[in-house]
Structures are given as C-alpha cells and as structure tokens.
Amino acid sequence: MSSSNPILPAHPNSSHADVRQYLTFRLGGLEYALDYANVRELRPLKALERFAADGEIVQGVAVSRGVIMPIVDMRIAFGPRPPKHDPGTDVIILQLSTCVMGMVTDGVTDIVSLAPGQIEPFPGMQAGDVDYLLGFGEVGNRRLIVVDIDRLMAIRRAGEEEGARHAA
C-alpha cells in the first residue's frame, strides 16, 4: 500500500462529517473502493497461515491473529483468469456485519476520502438492480467503482433476492 493518503475537499453540498474514507484496490484492470470502516488489516497473501486450500473462489481457510476466516479470491470471482500470486497480491481482512473474512485482490492502491455527492450512480442502472454497486467515485482523474462490501460478500440462497423484490 502506498504511503500517500490523498484527502479531497468535501463536495460543496456535503458537510465535512459526511466525508468517508475508502480503501482502493485493483482487480482485473479496474479500480474499486470499499468503506475503510470495514477494513480490519492488510496482509500479503504469503504471510497468512492457510490450513485448508481447495476450491476456486473460496481459496480455503486461514488464521490471522487467532481468527479463523475464509479467504475469497476476488480475482477469480470477477474474471476468468488464473490467479498468479506475486509480491503485490494483497489480502484485505474485512470485518463484515456477520463475520471476518479475507479478500484476495491484485493489490491495494491507497486510501481516499469521498463525500456522498462525489459518488455518482451508474448510467442505466435502476436502484436495486445490483445492490452492492454504489456508483462511481471520482478522485482526480481516477474513476473508482464503489462497492458495499457487506452486500457483495453476503451469501444468498437462490431465489432469496427475487422474493425480496416481489415483497417490496
């Protein structure tokens, strides 16, 4: 992770209290952002003690600071390319609402600050189409795909989301 921490001025229509920090990471040539409040720690993949490793997207189970957690390889989940572990392969240890888990990425970029007014909806998407995509965040000349990591990592049974839509 780079040592830079670019802090952007708040959007003119937002109070300073609305500004949130986001951890940015690379995945398949794109750059994503997730709420930094969900980040427990960053670890190189090789530094994790893994004691089970089979499965494609779920890379197995690891221990970090005494916590047993699943490790999800987002490089496979977001693209059909085989994972190549290199020194830049980072694991973001996440504290979600239901569990602790690790997420393998192509690499962590930095931490940025965004006000709600700096996150624009995706063109052509209706609210609720993909509930884990919050929109595009703009930081300088970078466009970040802002995700709700709790929703992205939520395990849903087939038909559960469809039933929820019809109930609304």
Protein backbone atom coordinates (compact mmCIF):
# COMPACT_ATOMS: atom_id res chain seq x y z
CA MET A 1 0.00 0.00 0.00
CA SER A 2 1.38 3.36 -0.89
CA SER A 3 2.09 5.81 1.86
CA SER A 4 0.13 8.58 0.14
CA ASN A 5 -3.24 9.45 1.61
CA PRO A 6 -4.91 11.95 -0.71
CA ILE A 7 -7.66 13.74 1.18
CA LEU A 8 -10.07 15.50 -1.11
CA PRO A 9 -12.08 18.57 -0.17
CA ALA A 10 -15.68 17.83 0.71
CA HIS A 11 -18.27 18.27 -2.02
CA PRO A 12 -19.75 21.79 -1.72
CA ASN A 13 -23.22 20.38 -0.90
CA SER A 14 -21.94 17.99 1.82
CA SER A 15 -20.88 18.68 5.37
CA HIS A 16 -17.40 17.62 6.40
CA ALA A 17 -18.97 14.97 8.67
CA ASP A 18 -20.40 13.17 5.59
CA VAL A 19 -16.94 12.51 4.11
CA ARG A 20 -15.89 8.86 4.43
CA GLN A 21 -12.59 7.12 3.86
CA TYR A 22 -12.40 4.34 1.27
CA LEU A 23 -9.70 1.75 0.68
CA THR A 24 -8.99 1.42 -3.03
CA PHE A 25 -7.78 -1.77 -4.69
CA ARG A 26 -7.11 -3.16 -8.16
CA LEU A 27 -8.99 -6.10 -9.61
CA GLY A 28 -8.83 -7.19 -13.24
CA GLY A 29 -7.53 -3.84 -14.53
CA LEU A 30 -10.23 -1.81 -12.74
CA GLU A 31 -10.02 0.13 -9.52
CA TYR A 32 -12.56 -0.39 -6.73
CA ALA A 33 -13.25 1.31 -3.41
CA LEU A 34 -14.79 -0.02 -0.20
CA ASP A 35 -15.61 1.71 3.07
CA TYR A 36 -12.43 1.75 5.16
CA ALA A 37 -14.51 1.16 8.31
CA ASN A 38 -14.83 -2.49 7.16
CA VAL A 39 -11.05 -2.99 6.93
CA ARG A 40 -9.51 -4.83 9.84
CA GLU A 41 -5.99 -5.21 8.41
CA LEU A 42 -3.98 -5.71 5.22
CA ARG A 43 -1.76 -8.75 4.78
CA PRO A 44 0.34 -10.17 1.96
CA LEU A 45 -1.17 -13.48 0.85
CA LYS A 46 2.05 -15.36 1.60
CA ALA A 47 2.01 -14.10 5.22
CA LEU A 48 -1.28 -15.82 6.06
CA GLU A 49 -1.21 -19.22 7.72
CA ARG A 50 -3.51 -21.21 5.44
CA PHE A 51 -4.53 -24.64 6.61
CA ALA A 52 -7.12 -25.53 4.01
CA ALA A 53 -6.92 -24.64 0.38
CA ASP A 54 -9.31 -26.15 -2.08
CA GLY A 55 -11.98 -24.50 -4.07
CA GLU A 56 -11.86 -21.96 -6.76
CA ILE A 57 -13.33 -18.72 -5.45
CA VAL A 58 -13.12 -19.68 -1.78
CA GLN A 59 -9.38 -20.26 -1.56
CA GLY A 60 -9.65 -22.01 1.75
CA VAL A 61 -9.41 -21.08 5.39
CA ALA A 62 -6.67 -19.10 7.09
CA VAL A 63 -5.74 -17.84 10.53
CA SER A 64 -4.86 -14.21 11.19
CA ARG A 65 -4.23 -13.01 14.72
CA GLY A 66 -6.03 -16.04 16.11
CA VAL A 67 -9.16 -15.58 13.96
CA ILE A 68 -10.14 -18.38 11.59
CA MET A 69 -11.65 -16.99 8.39
CA PRO A 70 -12.50 -17.92 4.81
CA ILE A 71 -10.33 -16.43 2.08
CA VAL A 72 -12.20 -15.37 -1.08
CA ASP A 73 -10.18 -14.83 -4.27
CA MET A 74 -11.96 -11.93 -5.94
CA ARG A 75 -9.64 -12.21 -8.95
CA ILE A 76 -11.44 -15.41 -9.92
CA ALA A 77 -14.90 -14.13 -8.94
CA PHE A 78 -14.51 -11.04 -11.18
CA GLY A 79 -12.77 -12.65 -14.14
CA PRO A 80 -11.85 -15.94 -15.77
CA ARG A 81 -8.12 -15.60 -15.34
CA PRO A 82 -5.95 -17.94 -13.28
CA PRO A 83 -4.56 -16.35 -10.12
CA LYS A 84 -0.85 -15.65 -10.09
CA HIS A 85 0.36 -14.87 -6.64
CA ASP A 86 3.13 -12.29 -6.65
CA PRO A 87 4.54 -9.88 -4.06
CA GLY A 88 1.75 -7.43 -4.93
CA THR A 89 -1.02 -9.90 -4.11
CA ASP A 90 -2.76 -8.42 -1.09
CA VAL A 91 -5.40 -9.81 1.23
CA ILE A 92 -7.80 -7.32 2.74
CA ILE A 93 -9.04 -8.69 6.07
CA LEU A 94 -12.63 -7.46 6.37
CA GLN A 95 -14.85 -7.06 9.39
CA LEU A 96 -18.32 -7.60 7.96
CA SER A 97 -21.60 -7.44 9.83
CA THR A 98 -21.75 -11.24 10.04
CA CYS A 99 -18.13 -12.43 10.03
CA VAL A 100 -14.44 -11.78 9.44
CA MET A 101 -13.08 -12.83 6.04
CA GLY A 102 -10.13 -12.26 3.75
CA MET A 103 -10.43 -10.95 0.20
CA VAL A 104 -7.60 -11.54 -2.29
CA THR A 105 -7.07 -8.66 -4.75
CA ASP A 106 -4.50 -7.69 -7.37
CA GLY A 107 -3.23 -5.06 -4.94
CA VAL A 108 -4.25 -2.29 -2.59
CA THR A 109 -3.79 1.20 -4.03
CA ASP A 110 -4.41 3.75 -1.27
CA ILE A 111 -6.99 5.43 0.95
CA VAL A 112 -9.17 8.22 -0.43
CA SER A 113 -11.91 10.42 1.02
CA LEU A 114 -15.25 10.79 -0.72
CA ALA A 115 -18.37 12.75 0.17
CA PRO A 116 -21.73 11.25 -0.87
CA GLY A 117 -22.01 13.89 -3.62
CA GLN A 118 -18.78 12.57 -5.18
CA ILE A 119 -20.34 9.13 -5.80
CA GLU A 120 -22.43 9.12 -8.97
CA PRO A 121 -24.92 6.36 -9.86
CA PHE A 122 -24.05 4.01 -12.71
CA PRO A 123 -25.63 5.13 -16.00
CA GLY A 124 -28.62 2.99 -16.96
CA MET A 125 -28.86 1.14 -13.64
CA GLN A 126 -32.06 1.26 -11.64
CA ALA A 127 -31.94 1.36 -7.83
CA GLY A 128 -31.73 -2.20 -6.55
CA ASP A 129 -30.50 -3.77 -9.83
CA VAL A 130 -27.20 -4.74 -8.23
CA ASP A 131 -27.41 -3.73 -4.59
CA TYR A 132 -23.68 -4.00 -3.88
CA LEU A 133 -22.67 -1.41 -6.52
CA LEU A 134 -22.97 2.06 -5.01
CA GLY A 135 -21.69 4.02 -8.02
CA PHE A 136 -18.61 5.70 -9.48
CA GLY A 137 -16.37 7.79 -7.25
CA GLU A 138 -14.10 10.36 -8.86
CA VAL A 139 -10.73 11.17 -7.33
CA GLY A 140 -8.65 13.41 -9.56
CA ASN A 141 -8.50 11.61 -12.91
CA ARG A 142 -9.37 8.21 -11.37
CA ARG A 143 -12.80 6.59 -11.57
CA LEU A 144 -13.45 4.15 -8.76
CA ILE A 145 -16.19 1.53 -8.64
CA VAL A 146 -17.57 1.99 -5.13
CA VAL A 147 -18.94 -1.21 -3.58
CA ASP A 148 -20.88 -2.04 -0.43
CA ILE A 149 -18.61 -4.85 0.72
CA ASP A 150 -21.14 -6.27 3.22
CA ARG A 151 -23.69 -6.75 0.44
CA LEU A 152 -21.11 -8.03 -2.04
CA MET A 153 -19.89 -10.71 0.37
CA ALA A 154 -23.37 -11.67 1.61
CA ILE A 155 -24.23 -15.29 0.89
CA ARG A 156 -27.72 -15.51 -0.55
CA ARG A 157 -29.73 -18.59 -1.32
CA ALA A 158 -31.07 -18.95 -4.84
CA GLY A 159 -34.37 -17.10 -5.17
CA GLU A 160 -33.91 -15.15 -1.91
CA GLU A 161 -33.22 -11.85 -3.65
CA GLU A 162 -36.04 -12.37 -6.16
CA GLY A 163 -38.50 -12.99 -3.34
CA ALA A 164 -37.37 -9.82 -1.58
CA ARG A 165 -38.00 -7.77 -4.75
CA HIS A 166 -41.56 -9.08 -5.15
CA ALA A 167 -42.34 -8.34 -1.49
CA ALA A 168 -41.38 -4.67 -1.88
